[in-house]
Amino acid sequence: MTSVSFTFFDIDNVTNPGWGDRVSLSPQPTSFTVPAGSFIIGIGKDENEDSNTKGPFRSSQPNTDFADTSTGGNVTVTYTGPISSFTILYENKVNTGGTNQHIAIGNITFRNCT
């Protein structure tokens, strides 16, 4: 495939009871775009999150459950390709009994290699 693109929705954090959505991809995408109104930081890489420009995609807002229709937790990733496969790693960084941790994936587009 080439020109693979999709959006992660609703990456957010709540502290008590809590969850902390973390999303990483392997291999890393060619590029990613954070839309206006989004609080996503990180680069989508499974590594230490010791700065805003490292680590998995995550929200910079420590205690905000974004509405599913909000852009607050969105990021769009692109693989220019060609690529035959990729892996998505979802983690709950804070596990204190929260029951609302989830993300969604949508707006998927790609071109077949010929």
N, C-alpha and C. Protein backbone atom coordinates (compact mmCIF):
# COMPACT_ATOMS: atom_id res chain seq x y z
N MET A 1 0.84 -1.18 0.00
CA MET A 1 0.00 0.00 0.00
C MET A 1 0.89 1.24 0.00
N THR A 2 0.34 2.32 -0.50
CA THR A 2 0.99 3.62 -0.41
C THR A 2 -0.04 4.63 0.06
N SER A 3 0.44 5.76 0.47
CA SER A 3 -0.45 6.86 0.91
C SER A 3 -1.47 6.41 1.95
N VAL A 4 -1.01 5.66 2.94
CA VAL A 4 -1.89 5.20 4.02
C VAL A 4 -2.06 6.34 5.02
N SER A 5 -3.29 6.66 5.35
CA SER A 5 -3.57 7.73 6.30
C SER A 5 -4.80 7.36 7.12
N PHE A 6 -4.76 7.69 8.40
CA PHE A 6 -5.91 7.46 9.27
C PHE A 6 -5.80 8.36 10.49
N THR A 7 -6.91 8.52 11.18
CA THR A 7 -6.97 9.40 12.35
C THR A 7 -7.28 8.59 13.60
N PHE A 8 -6.54 8.88 14.66
CA PHE A 8 -6.88 8.40 16.00
C PHE A 8 -7.75 9.46 16.65
N PHE A 9 -8.82 9.03 17.28
CA PHE A 9 -9.75 9.92 17.98
C PHE A 9 -9.75 9.60 19.47
N ASP A 10 -9.95 10.62 20.29
CA ASP A 10 -10.24 10.46 21.72
C ASP A 10 -9.08 9.91 22.55
N ILE A 11 -7.87 10.36 22.27
CA ILE A 11 -6.72 10.04 23.13
C ILE A 11 -6.76 11.02 24.29
N ASP A 12 -7.05 10.53 25.50
CA ASP A 12 -7.20 11.45 26.64
C ASP A 12 -6.77 10.80 27.95
N ASN A 13 -6.88 11.56 29.03
CA ASN A 13 -6.44 11.14 30.37
C ASN A 13 -7.46 11.58 31.41
N VAL A 14 -7.68 10.75 32.39
CA VAL A 14 -8.43 11.13 33.58
C VAL A 14 -7.71 10.52 34.77
N THR A 15 -7.62 11.26 35.88
CA THR A 15 -6.78 10.80 36.99
C THR A 15 -7.47 9.91 38.01
N ASN A 16 -8.75 10.13 38.34
CA ASN A 16 -9.34 9.32 39.41
C ASN A 16 -10.85 9.18 39.25
N PRO A 17 -11.42 7.99 39.04
CA PRO A 17 -10.65 6.80 38.63
C PRO A 17 -10.10 7.03 37.25
N GLY A 18 -8.98 6.43 36.97
CA GLY A 18 -8.26 6.95 35.83
C GLY A 18 -7.87 6.02 34.73
N TRP A 19 -7.47 6.67 33.66
CA TRP A 19 -6.82 6.02 32.53
C TRP A 19 -5.92 7.05 31.88
N GLY A 20 -4.98 6.59 31.10
CA GLY A 20 -4.08 7.46 30.36
C GLY A 20 -3.77 6.83 29.02
N ASP A 21 -4.55 7.16 28.02
CA ASP A 21 -4.37 6.58 26.69
C ASP A 21 -2.99 6.90 26.14
N ARG A 22 -2.34 5.87 25.60
CA ARG A 22 -1.05 6.01 24.93
C ARG A 22 -1.12 5.21 23.63
N VAL A 23 -0.67 5.81 22.53
CA VAL A 23 -0.71 5.15 21.23
C VAL A 23 0.65 5.28 20.55
N SER A 24 1.21 4.12 20.16
CA SER A 24 2.47 4.07 19.44
C SER A 24 2.30 3.24 18.18
N LEU A 25 3.13 3.52 17.20
CA LEU A 25 3.10 2.78 15.93
C LEU A 25 4.49 2.28 15.58
N SER A 26 4.51 1.13 14.93
CA SER A 26 5.77 0.57 14.44
C SER A 26 5.54 -0.01 13.05
N PRO A 27 6.28 0.44 12.06
CA PRO A 27 7.25 1.53 12.15
C PRO A 27 6.55 2.87 12.37
N GLN A 28 7.34 3.84 12.76
CA GLN A 28 6.75 5.17 12.94
C GLN A 28 6.22 5.69 11.62
N PRO A 29 5.13 6.46 11.65
CA PRO A 29 4.60 7.02 10.41
C PRO A 29 5.57 8.02 9.79
N THR A 30 5.39 8.23 8.50
CA THR A 30 6.20 9.22 7.78
C THR A 30 5.96 10.61 8.36
N SER A 31 4.69 10.89 8.69
CA SER A 31 4.34 12.19 9.26
C SER A 31 3.07 12.05 10.08
N PHE A 32 2.80 13.07 10.87
CA PHE A 32 1.54 13.13 11.61
C PHE A 32 1.11 14.58 11.72
N THR A 33 -0.20 14.77 11.86
CA THR A 33 -0.77 16.12 11.95
C THR A 33 -1.70 16.18 13.15
N VAL A 34 -1.50 17.18 13.97
CA VAL A 34 -2.36 17.45 15.11
C VAL A 34 -3.29 18.60 14.71
N PRO A 35 -4.60 18.37 14.67
CA PRO A 35 -5.50 19.43 14.20
C PRO A 35 -5.65 20.56 15.21
N ALA A 36 -6.14 21.68 14.75
CA ALA A 36 -6.42 22.80 15.66
C ALA A 36 -7.37 22.33 16.74
N GLY A 37 -7.10 22.70 17.97
CA GLY A 37 -7.94 22.31 19.08
C GLY A 37 -7.55 21.01 19.74
N SER A 38 -6.54 20.32 19.20
CA SER A 38 -6.08 19.06 19.79
C SER A 38 -4.97 19.33 20.80
N PHE A 39 -4.90 18.47 21.82
CA PHE A 39 -3.88 18.60 22.85
C PHE A 39 -2.90 17.44 22.81
N ILE A 40 -2.74 16.81 21.64
CA ILE A 40 -1.87 15.66 21.51
C ILE A 40 -0.41 16.09 21.48
N ILE A 41 0.41 15.36 22.25
CA ILE A 41 1.86 15.53 22.25
C ILE A 41 2.47 14.16 21.98
N GLY A 42 3.79 14.13 21.81
CA GLY A 42 4.48 12.89 21.50
C GLY A 42 4.63 12.71 20.00
N ILE A 43 5.32 11.62 19.64
CA ILE A 43 5.59 11.36 18.22
C ILE A 43 5.11 9.97 17.79
N GLY A 44 4.36 9.30 18.63
CA GLY A 44 3.83 7.99 18.26
C GLY A 44 4.85 6.87 18.35
N LYS A 45 5.86 7.04 19.20
CA LYS A 45 6.93 6.05 19.34
C LYS A 45 6.92 5.46 20.74
N ASP A 46 7.07 4.14 20.83
CA ASP A 46 7.09 3.45 22.12
C ASP A 46 8.44 3.67 22.78
N GLU A 47 8.53 4.77 23.52
CA GLU A 47 9.77 5.15 24.22
C GLU A 47 9.39 6.01 25.42
N ASN A 48 10.39 6.39 26.22
CA ASN A 48 10.12 7.25 27.37
C ASN A 48 9.45 8.54 26.92
N GLU A 49 8.52 9.00 27.74
CA GLU A 49 7.81 10.24 27.41
C GLU A 49 8.31 11.38 28.27
N ASP A 50 9.63 11.63 28.17
CA ASP A 50 10.25 12.64 29.01
C ASP A 50 10.24 14.04 28.41
N SER A 51 9.59 14.20 27.25
CA SER A 51 9.39 15.54 26.70
C SER A 51 8.18 15.50 25.78
N ASN A 52 7.70 16.67 25.39
CA ASN A 52 6.54 16.75 24.50
C ASN A 52 6.84 16.23 23.10
N THR A 53 8.13 16.10 22.76
CA THR A 53 8.50 15.68 21.42
C THR A 53 9.08 14.26 21.41
N LYS A 54 8.75 13.49 22.42
CA LYS A 54 9.17 12.08 22.49
C LYS A 54 7.99 11.25 22.97
N GLY A 55 8.09 9.96 22.76
CA GLY A 55 7.13 9.03 23.33
C GLY A 55 5.87 8.84 22.51
N PRO A 56 4.95 8.06 23.07
CA PRO A 56 3.70 7.78 22.37
C PRO A 56 2.82 9.02 22.25
N PHE A 57 1.86 8.95 21.32
CA PHE A 57 0.85 10.00 21.27
C PHE A 57 0.08 9.95 22.58
N ARG A 58 -0.17 11.14 23.18
CA ARG A 58 -0.88 11.23 24.45
C ARG A 58 -1.39 12.66 24.59
N SER A 59 -2.28 12.86 25.53
CA SER A 59 -2.83 14.20 25.75
C SER A 59 -1.95 14.97 26.72
N SER A 60 -1.81 16.25 26.46
CA SER A 60 -1.08 17.12 27.40
C SER A 60 -1.97 17.56 28.56
N GLN A 61 -3.26 17.28 28.48
CA GLN A 61 -4.21 17.68 29.52
C GLN A 61 -4.33 16.55 30.54
N PRO A 62 -3.92 16.78 31.80
CA PRO A 62 -3.81 15.69 32.76
C PRO A 62 -5.14 15.12 33.27
N ASN A 63 -6.21 15.83 33.15
CA ASN A 63 -7.47 15.32 33.71
C ASN A 63 -8.65 15.78 32.86
N THR A 64 -8.66 15.36 31.60
CA THR A 64 -9.70 15.80 30.68
C THR A 64 -10.21 14.61 29.87
N ASP A 65 -11.47 14.30 30.05
CA ASP A 65 -12.14 13.26 29.27
C ASP A 65 -12.81 13.94 28.08
N PHE A 66 -12.11 13.98 26.94
CA PHE A 66 -12.67 14.65 25.77
C PHE A 66 -13.92 13.92 25.29
N ALA A 67 -14.90 14.67 24.86
CA ALA A 67 -16.08 14.07 24.24
C ALA A 67 -15.65 13.35 22.97
N ASP A 68 -16.34 12.28 22.64
CA ASP A 68 -15.99 11.51 21.44
C ASP A 68 -16.01 12.35 20.18
N THR A 69 -16.80 13.40 20.17
CA THR A 69 -16.91 14.26 18.99
C THR A 69 -15.92 15.43 19.00
N SER A 70 -15.15 15.55 20.06
CA SER A 70 -14.18 16.64 20.19
C SER A 70 -12.93 16.35 19.36
N THR A 71 -12.23 17.40 18.93
CA THR A 71 -10.93 17.22 18.28
C THR A 71 -9.80 17.21 19.31
N GLY A 72 -10.11 17.36 20.59
CA GLY A 72 -9.11 17.50 21.63
C GLY A 72 -8.11 16.37 21.73
N GLY A 73 -8.51 15.16 21.34
CA GLY A 73 -7.63 14.00 21.43
C GLY A 73 -7.32 13.37 20.09
N ASN A 74 -7.30 14.16 19.03
CA ASN A 74 -7.12 13.62 17.68
C ASN A 74 -5.72 13.84 17.13
N VAL A 75 -5.28 12.89 16.31
CA VAL A 75 -4.05 13.01 15.54
C VAL A 75 -4.20 12.15 14.29
N THR A 76 -3.75 12.69 13.15
CA THR A 76 -3.80 11.96 11.89
C THR A 76 -2.39 11.55 11.50
N VAL A 77 -2.21 10.28 11.16
CA VAL A 77 -0.89 9.76 10.78
C VAL A 77 -0.90 9.37 9.30
N THR A 78 0.28 9.45 8.69
CA THR A 78 0.42 9.13 7.28
C THR A 78 1.69 8.31 7.06
N TYR A 79 1.55 7.25 6.28
CA TYR A 79 2.67 6.48 5.74
C TYR A 79 2.66 6.72 4.23
N THR A 80 3.71 7.34 3.70
CA THR A 80 3.74 7.57 2.26
C THR A 80 3.96 6.27 1.51
N GLY A 81 4.66 5.32 2.11
CA GLY A 81 4.81 3.99 1.57
C GLY A 81 5.91 3.87 0.55
N PRO A 82 5.99 2.71 -0.08
CA PRO A 82 5.07 1.60 0.13
C PRO A 82 5.30 0.93 1.48
N ILE A 83 4.23 0.36 2.02
CA ILE A 83 4.27 -0.33 3.31
C ILE A 83 3.35 -1.54 3.23
N SER A 84 3.80 -2.65 3.78
CA SER A 84 2.98 -3.87 3.74
C SER A 84 2.27 -4.13 5.06
N SER A 85 2.78 -3.56 6.16
CA SER A 85 2.12 -3.75 7.45
C SER A 85 2.64 -2.72 8.44
N PHE A 86 1.87 -2.51 9.51
CA PHE A 86 2.30 -1.69 10.63
C PHE A 86 1.58 -2.22 11.86
N THR A 87 2.08 -1.85 13.02
CA THR A 87 1.52 -2.30 14.30
C THR A 87 1.12 -1.09 15.12
N ILE A 88 -0.08 -1.17 15.71
CA ILE A 88 -0.55 -0.13 16.64
C ILE A 88 -0.48 -0.71 18.04
N LEU A 89 0.17 0.01 18.95
CA LEU A 89 0.24 -0.38 20.35
C LEU A 89 -0.58 0.61 21.17
N TYR A 90 -1.63 0.11 21.84
CA TYR A 90 -2.43 0.94 22.75
C TYR A 90 -2.07 0.53 24.17
N GLU A 91 -1.83 1.51 25.03
CA GLU A 91 -1.56 1.24 26.44
C GLU A 91 -2.38 2.18 27.31
N ASN A 92 -2.78 1.67 28.46
CA ASN A 92 -3.40 2.48 29.49
C ASN A 92 -2.33 2.78 30.52
N LYS A 93 -1.80 3.99 30.50
CA LYS A 93 -0.67 4.36 31.36
C LYS A 93 -1.07 4.43 32.83
N VAL A 94 -2.29 4.84 33.11
CA VAL A 94 -2.76 4.98 34.49
C VAL A 94 -3.89 3.98 34.68
N ASN A 95 -3.68 3.00 35.53
CA ASN A 95 -4.70 1.98 35.70
C ASN A 95 -5.23 2.01 37.13
N THR A 96 -6.18 2.91 37.37
CA THR A 96 -6.75 3.02 38.71
C THR A 96 -8.25 2.76 38.71
N GLY A 97 -8.69 1.90 37.81
CA GLY A 97 -10.09 1.51 37.83
C GLY A 97 -11.00 2.29 36.92
N GLY A 98 -10.46 3.17 36.10
CA GLY A 98 -11.31 3.90 35.16
C GLY A 98 -11.96 2.94 34.18
N THR A 99 -13.18 3.24 33.79
CA THR A 99 -13.90 2.33 32.90
C THR A 99 -14.20 2.96 31.55
N ASN A 100 -13.61 4.09 31.24
CA ASN A 100 -13.95 4.78 30.01
C ASN A 100 -12.76 4.91 29.06
N GLN A 101 -11.69 4.13 29.31
CA GLN A 101 -10.55 4.25 28.41
C GLN A 101 -10.89 3.58 27.08
N HIS A 102 -10.69 4.33 26.02
CA HIS A 102 -10.89 3.84 24.67
C HIS A 102 -10.37 4.89 23.69
N ILE A 103 -10.08 4.45 22.51
CA ILE A 103 -9.77 5.35 21.40
C ILE A 103 -10.56 4.83 20.20
N ALA A 104 -10.56 5.59 19.14
CA ALA A 104 -11.18 5.15 17.89
C ALA A 104 -10.21 5.44 16.75
N ILE A 105 -10.39 4.70 15.66
CA ILE A 105 -9.59 4.90 14.45
C ILE A 105 -10.56 5.07 13.29
N GLY A 106 -10.34 6.09 12.47
CA GLY A 106 -11.24 6.32 11.34
C GLY A 106 -10.57 7.12 10.24
N ASN A 107 -11.38 7.54 9.28
CA ASN A 107 -10.90 8.31 8.12
C ASN A 107 -9.73 7.61 7.44
N ILE A 108 -9.88 6.30 7.24
CA ILE A 108 -8.79 5.48 6.69
C ILE A 108 -8.79 5.58 5.16
N THR A 109 -7.63 5.94 4.62
CA THR A 109 -7.46 5.98 3.17
C THR A 109 -6.13 5.33 2.81
N PHE A 110 -6.04 4.74 1.61
CA PHE A 110 -4.80 4.16 1.11
C PHE A 110 -4.92 3.91 -0.38
N ARG A 111 -3.78 3.66 -1.00
CA ARG A 111 -3.74 3.28 -2.41
C ARG A 111 -3.05 1.92 -2.51
N ASN A 112 -3.56 1.07 -3.36
CA ASN A 112 -2.93 -0.23 -3.60
C ASN A 112 -1.67 -0.04 -4.41
N CYS A 113 -0.67 -0.84 -4.14
CA CYS A 113 0.52 -0.87 -4.99
C CYS A 113 0.19 -1.72 -6.21
N THR A 114 0.59 -1.28 -7.36
CA THR A 114 0.31 -2.08 -8.56
C THR A 114 1.58 -2.52 -9.24
